[in-house]
Amino acid sequence: MPKDEDVKAAMHHSEAEHNIKLPKKDKSKKVWIIISIILALALVGAGVYGYLKMRDYNKQINDLKAQVTTLQDGKKTLEDAASAAAKIVVKAATTNYLEVKELGYKLPLSEDIKDLQYFVNGTTTFFSTGSLQSKAWAVDKGDPGKYCSLGTLPLGAISKFADVTEAGPTQQKALSGFVLGYAPPQANCSTNQATIDLQSTQKDSFVKAFEKAEKI
């Protein structure tokens, strides 16, 4: 049988081996804990990085959207301006004029005086419209539509002068080389109110045309 000393020695040897292995297990556990912490930190870092990148991307997208909106607004403004300019050009291109070739000037015609008529006496032009004369003759059965005719200048008269001094105290329009002077009508050309109203409206339009008179 084994001696007590041999049994004690064997037990001591077994305990020694067991004690040697335990530290290795503890060390391995610590390593895994450290690795887990590193991985956790890496995941957290990746999440933070991803969040920051996504925030930057969103900011860039919002900036691009703002730029696109600005460009679209600018494009619309330019389109509106171009459209308005085109309308002005068309309007200018289609403006009708009455040319008084005898005295070298012309008047732009608005819709209500598009039938403007004139005759020249020396350096003075007398004016009326076909519509005013027709209305006057239609309602003034007894006497007198004749007072709305050209000879009574129901819309006034325009005279040609050499300069502003010669034109004197009249409404003036200076053109290249001469001056035009406007004299308004002295009275209503009819006693009929509808005719008087038409005369007044056309006279106002005629004055505006005078202010825009051009040399030909």
Protein backbone atom coordinates (compact mmCIF):
# COMPACT_ATOMS: atom_id res chain seq x y z
CA MET A 1 0.00 0.00 0.00
CA PRO A 2 1.16 3.54 -0.63
CA LYS A 3 2.61 5.39 2.17
CA ASP A 4 0.93 8.42 3.67
CA GLU A 5 3.77 10.59 2.48
CA ASP A 6 3.22 9.43 -1.11
CA VAL A 7 -0.53 10.19 -0.92
CA LYS A 8 0.12 13.65 0.50
CA ALA A 9 2.67 14.32 -2.21
CA ALA A 10 0.24 13.26 -4.94
CA MET A 11 -2.52 15.47 -3.52
CA HIS A 12 -0.17 18.35 -3.25
CA HIS A 13 0.87 17.87 -6.88
CA SER A 14 -2.78 17.76 -8.01
CA GLU A 15 -3.64 20.93 -6.09
CA ALA A 16 -0.64 22.66 -7.55
CA GLU A 17 -1.74 21.83 -11.11
CA HIS A 18 -5.27 23.01 -10.36
CA ASN A 19 -3.98 26.26 -8.90
CA ILE A 20 -1.84 26.85 -12.01
CA LYS A 21 -4.83 26.53 -14.42
CA LEU A 22 -7.17 28.96 -12.59
CA PRO A 23 -5.23 32.11 -13.39
CA LYS A 24 -5.31 31.20 -17.12
CA LYS A 25 -9.13 31.03 -16.96
CA ASP A 26 -9.34 34.38 -15.19
CA LYS A 27 -6.98 35.97 -17.72
CA SER A 28 -9.03 34.66 -20.64
CA LYS A 29 -12.20 36.12 -19.11
CA LYS A 30 -10.56 39.50 -18.71
CA VAL A 31 -9.42 39.43 -22.34
CA TRP A 32 -12.98 38.77 -23.50
CA ILE A 33 -14.28 41.56 -21.30
CA ILE A 34 -11.74 43.96 -22.77
CA ILE A 35 -12.59 42.82 -26.31
CA SER A 36 -16.29 43.30 -25.57
CA ILE A 37 -15.65 46.79 -24.26
CA ILE A 38 -13.57 47.66 -27.33
CA LEU A 39 -16.28 46.31 -29.61
CA ALA A 40 -18.93 48.24 -27.71
CA LEU A 41 -16.86 51.42 -27.95
CA ALA A 42 -16.30 50.78 -31.66
CA LEU A 43 -20.03 50.35 -32.21
CA VAL A 44 -20.76 53.50 -30.27
CA GLY A 45 -18.09 55.36 -32.26
CA ALA A 46 -19.47 54.02 -35.53
CA GLY A 47 -22.97 55.12 -34.48
CA VAL A 48 -21.80 58.61 -33.58
CA TYR A 49 -19.82 58.85 -36.80
CA GLY A 50 -22.80 57.65 -38.80
CA TYR A 51 -25.09 60.15 -37.07
CA LEU A 52 -22.69 63.01 -37.73
CA LYS A 53 -22.29 62.01 -41.38
CA MET A 54 -26.05 61.69 -41.80
CA ARG A 55 -26.52 65.12 -40.23
CA ASP A 56 -23.97 66.56 -42.68
CA TYR A 57 -25.73 64.84 -45.60
CA ASN A 58 -29.09 66.20 -44.49
CA LYS A 59 -27.64 69.68 -44.19
CA GLN A 60 -26.14 69.41 -47.67
CA ILE A 61 -29.48 68.19 -49.04
CA ASN A 62 -31.33 71.07 -47.37
CA ASP A 63 -28.77 73.54 -48.74
CA LEU A 64 -29.20 72.10 -52.23
CA LYS A 65 -32.99 72.30 -51.91
CA ALA A 66 -32.69 75.95 -50.86
CA GLN A 67 -30.44 76.66 -53.85
CA VAL A 68 -32.88 74.93 -56.19
CA THR A 69 -35.76 76.97 -54.75
CA THR A 70 -33.76 80.18 -55.19
CA LEU A 71 -32.94 79.27 -58.78
CA GLN A 72 -36.56 78.42 -59.50
CA ASP A 73 -37.69 81.74 -58.02
CA GLY A 74 -35.07 83.56 -60.07
CA LYS A 75 -36.15 81.68 -63.20
CA LYS A 76 -39.79 82.63 -62.63
CA THR A 77 -38.84 86.27 -62.07
CA LEU A 78 -36.89 86.31 -65.33
CA GLU A 79 -39.74 84.61 -67.16
CA ASP A 80 -42.24 87.14 -65.80
CA ALA A 81 -39.95 90.02 -66.77
CA ALA A 82 -39.45 88.57 -70.25
CA SER A 83 -43.20 88.11 -70.65
CA ALA A 84 -43.87 91.68 -69.55
CA ALA A 85 -41.18 92.99 -71.90
CA ALA A 86 -42.66 90.99 -74.77
CA LYS A 87 -46.09 92.50 -74.11
CA ILE A 88 -44.58 95.99 -74.12
CA VAL A 89 -42.80 95.31 -77.41
CA VAL A 90 -45.97 93.93 -78.97
CA LYS A 91 -47.98 96.89 -77.73
CA ALA A 92 -45.40 99.34 -79.06
CA ALA A 93 -45.25 97.54 -82.38
CA THR A 94 -49.03 97.66 -82.81
CA THR A 95 -49.59 101.31 -81.78
CA ASN A 96 -51.47 103.24 -84.45
CA TYR A 97 -50.67 106.84 -85.28
CA LEU A 98 -52.41 109.68 -87.04
CA GLU A 99 -49.78 111.44 -89.15
CA VAL A 100 -50.15 115.12 -89.88
CA LYS A 101 -47.66 115.07 -92.72
CA GLU A 102 -48.37 118.67 -93.68
CA LEU A 103 -46.81 119.86 -90.41
CA GLY A 104 -44.38 117.01 -89.71
CA TYR A 105 -45.76 115.35 -86.57
CA LYS A 106 -47.88 112.33 -85.55
CA LEU A 107 -50.15 111.40 -82.63
CA PRO A 108 -50.56 107.93 -81.03
CA LEU A 109 -54.18 106.76 -81.13
CA SER A 110 -55.84 105.07 -78.16
CA GLU A 111 -58.95 102.95 -78.69
CA ASP A 112 -61.49 105.71 -78.05
CA ILE A 113 -59.94 108.13 -80.58
CA LYS A 114 -58.89 105.56 -83.16
CA ASP A 115 -61.15 107.36 -85.70
CA LEU A 116 -59.46 110.74 -85.14
CA GLN A 117 -59.81 113.16 -88.08
CA TYR A 118 -58.14 116.47 -88.89
CA PHE A 119 -57.74 119.25 -91.36
CA VAL A 120 -54.94 121.79 -91.61
CA ASN A 121 -55.39 125.55 -91.88
CA GLY A 122 -51.99 127.21 -92.29
CA THR A 123 -49.90 126.04 -89.31
CA THR A 124 -52.90 124.93 -87.22
CA THR A 125 -54.61 121.52 -87.18
CA PHE A 126 -58.26 121.11 -86.12
CA PHE A 127 -59.46 117.79 -84.71
CA SER A 128 -62.62 115.72 -84.20
CA THR A 129 -63.61 112.05 -84.47
CA GLY A 130 -66.03 110.24 -86.72
CA SER A 131 -67.78 108.71 -83.70
CA LEU A 132 -68.33 112.10 -82.03
CA GLN A 133 -69.78 113.62 -85.19
CA SER A 134 -72.05 110.60 -85.78
CA LYS A 135 -73.40 110.75 -82.22
CA ALA A 136 -74.00 114.50 -82.45
CA TRP A 137 -75.87 114.26 -85.74
CA ALA A 138 -77.94 111.32 -84.46
CA VAL A 139 -79.31 113.13 -81.40
CA ASP A 140 -79.32 116.78 -82.54
CA LYS A 141 -82.06 116.51 -85.11
CA GLY A 142 -82.94 120.15 -85.16
CA ASP A 143 -79.64 121.89 -85.24
CA PRO A 144 -76.82 120.58 -84.91
CA GLY A 145 -74.47 118.13 -84.95
CA LYS A 146 -72.42 120.47 -87.04
CA TYR A 147 -70.91 121.94 -83.87
CA CYS A 148 -69.04 118.68 -83.30
CA SER A 149 -67.53 118.76 -86.79
CA LEU A 150 -63.88 119.45 -87.58
CA GLY A 151 -64.34 123.17 -88.23
CA THR A 152 -65.44 123.83 -84.65
CA LEU A 153 -62.47 121.89 -83.21
CA PRO A 154 -64.48 119.97 -80.56
CA LEU A 155 -61.30 118.25 -79.36
CA GLY A 156 -59.10 121.34 -79.68
CA ALA A 157 -56.42 122.48 -82.10
CA ILE A 158 -52.66 122.01 -82.42
CA SER A 159 -50.46 124.71 -83.91
CA LYS A 160 -46.84 124.54 -85.02
CA PHE A 161 -44.37 127.17 -83.77
CA ALA A 162 -40.67 127.83 -84.28
CA ASP A 163 -39.86 127.88 -80.55
CA VAL A 164 -41.39 128.05 -77.07
CA THR A 165 -41.43 131.86 -77.09
CA GLU A 166 -43.49 131.96 -80.24
CA ALA A 167 -45.79 129.26 -78.86
CA GLY A 168 -46.66 131.55 -75.96
CA PRO A 169 -49.04 130.63 -73.12
CA THR A 170 -50.29 127.34 -74.49
CA GLN A 171 -49.76 123.71 -73.49
CA GLN A 172 -46.56 122.88 -75.33
CA LYS A 173 -44.78 119.84 -76.72
CA ALA A 174 -41.21 120.46 -77.87
CA LEU A 175 -40.03 118.33 -80.79
CA SER A 176 -36.77 118.43 -82.76
CA GLY A 177 -36.70 121.74 -84.65
CA PHE A 178 -40.13 123.08 -83.65
CA VAL A 179 -42.75 123.30 -80.87
CA LEU A 180 -46.39 122.25 -80.86
CA GLY A 181 -48.98 124.23 -78.91
CA TYR A 182 -52.37 122.86 -77.90
CA ALA A 183 -55.54 124.96 -77.56
CA PRO A 184 -58.55 123.23 -75.95
CA PRO A 185 -62.14 123.55 -77.21
CA GLN A 186 -64.00 126.62 -75.95
CA ALA A 187 -67.33 124.93 -75.24
CA ASN A 188 -69.38 121.76 -75.50
CA CYS A 189 -70.26 120.94 -79.07
CA SER A 190 -73.76 119.68 -78.17
CA THR A 191 -76.53 120.12 -75.64
CA ASN A 192 -77.06 116.36 -75.45
CA GLN A 193 -75.48 114.92 -72.31
CA ALA A 194 -74.36 111.64 -73.92
CA THR A 195 -72.61 113.62 -76.66
CA ILE A 196 -71.06 115.97 -74.11
CA ASP A 197 -69.74 112.98 -72.13
CA LEU A 198 -68.22 111.45 -75.27
CA GLN A 199 -66.63 114.78 -76.19
CA SER A 200 -65.10 115.10 -72.70
CA THR A 201 -63.72 111.55 -72.70
CA GLN A 202 -62.24 111.89 -76.18
CA LYS A 203 -60.75 115.30 -75.35
CA ASP A 204 -58.89 113.81 -72.37
CA SER A 205 -57.54 111.01 -74.58
CA PHE A 206 -56.56 113.55 -77.24
CA VAL A 207 -54.58 115.59 -74.69
CA LYS A 208 -52.69 112.44 -73.68
CA ALA A 209 -51.94 111.78 -77.34
CA PHE A 210 -50.67 115.36 -77.72
CA GLU A 211 -48.31 114.85 -74.79
CA LYS A 212 -46.82 111.86 -76.68
CA ALA A 213 -46.62 113.55 -80.08
CA GLU A 214 -43.62 112.60 -82.22
CA LYS A 215 -41.83 114.13 -85.15
CA ILE A 216 -42.07 112.37 -88.52
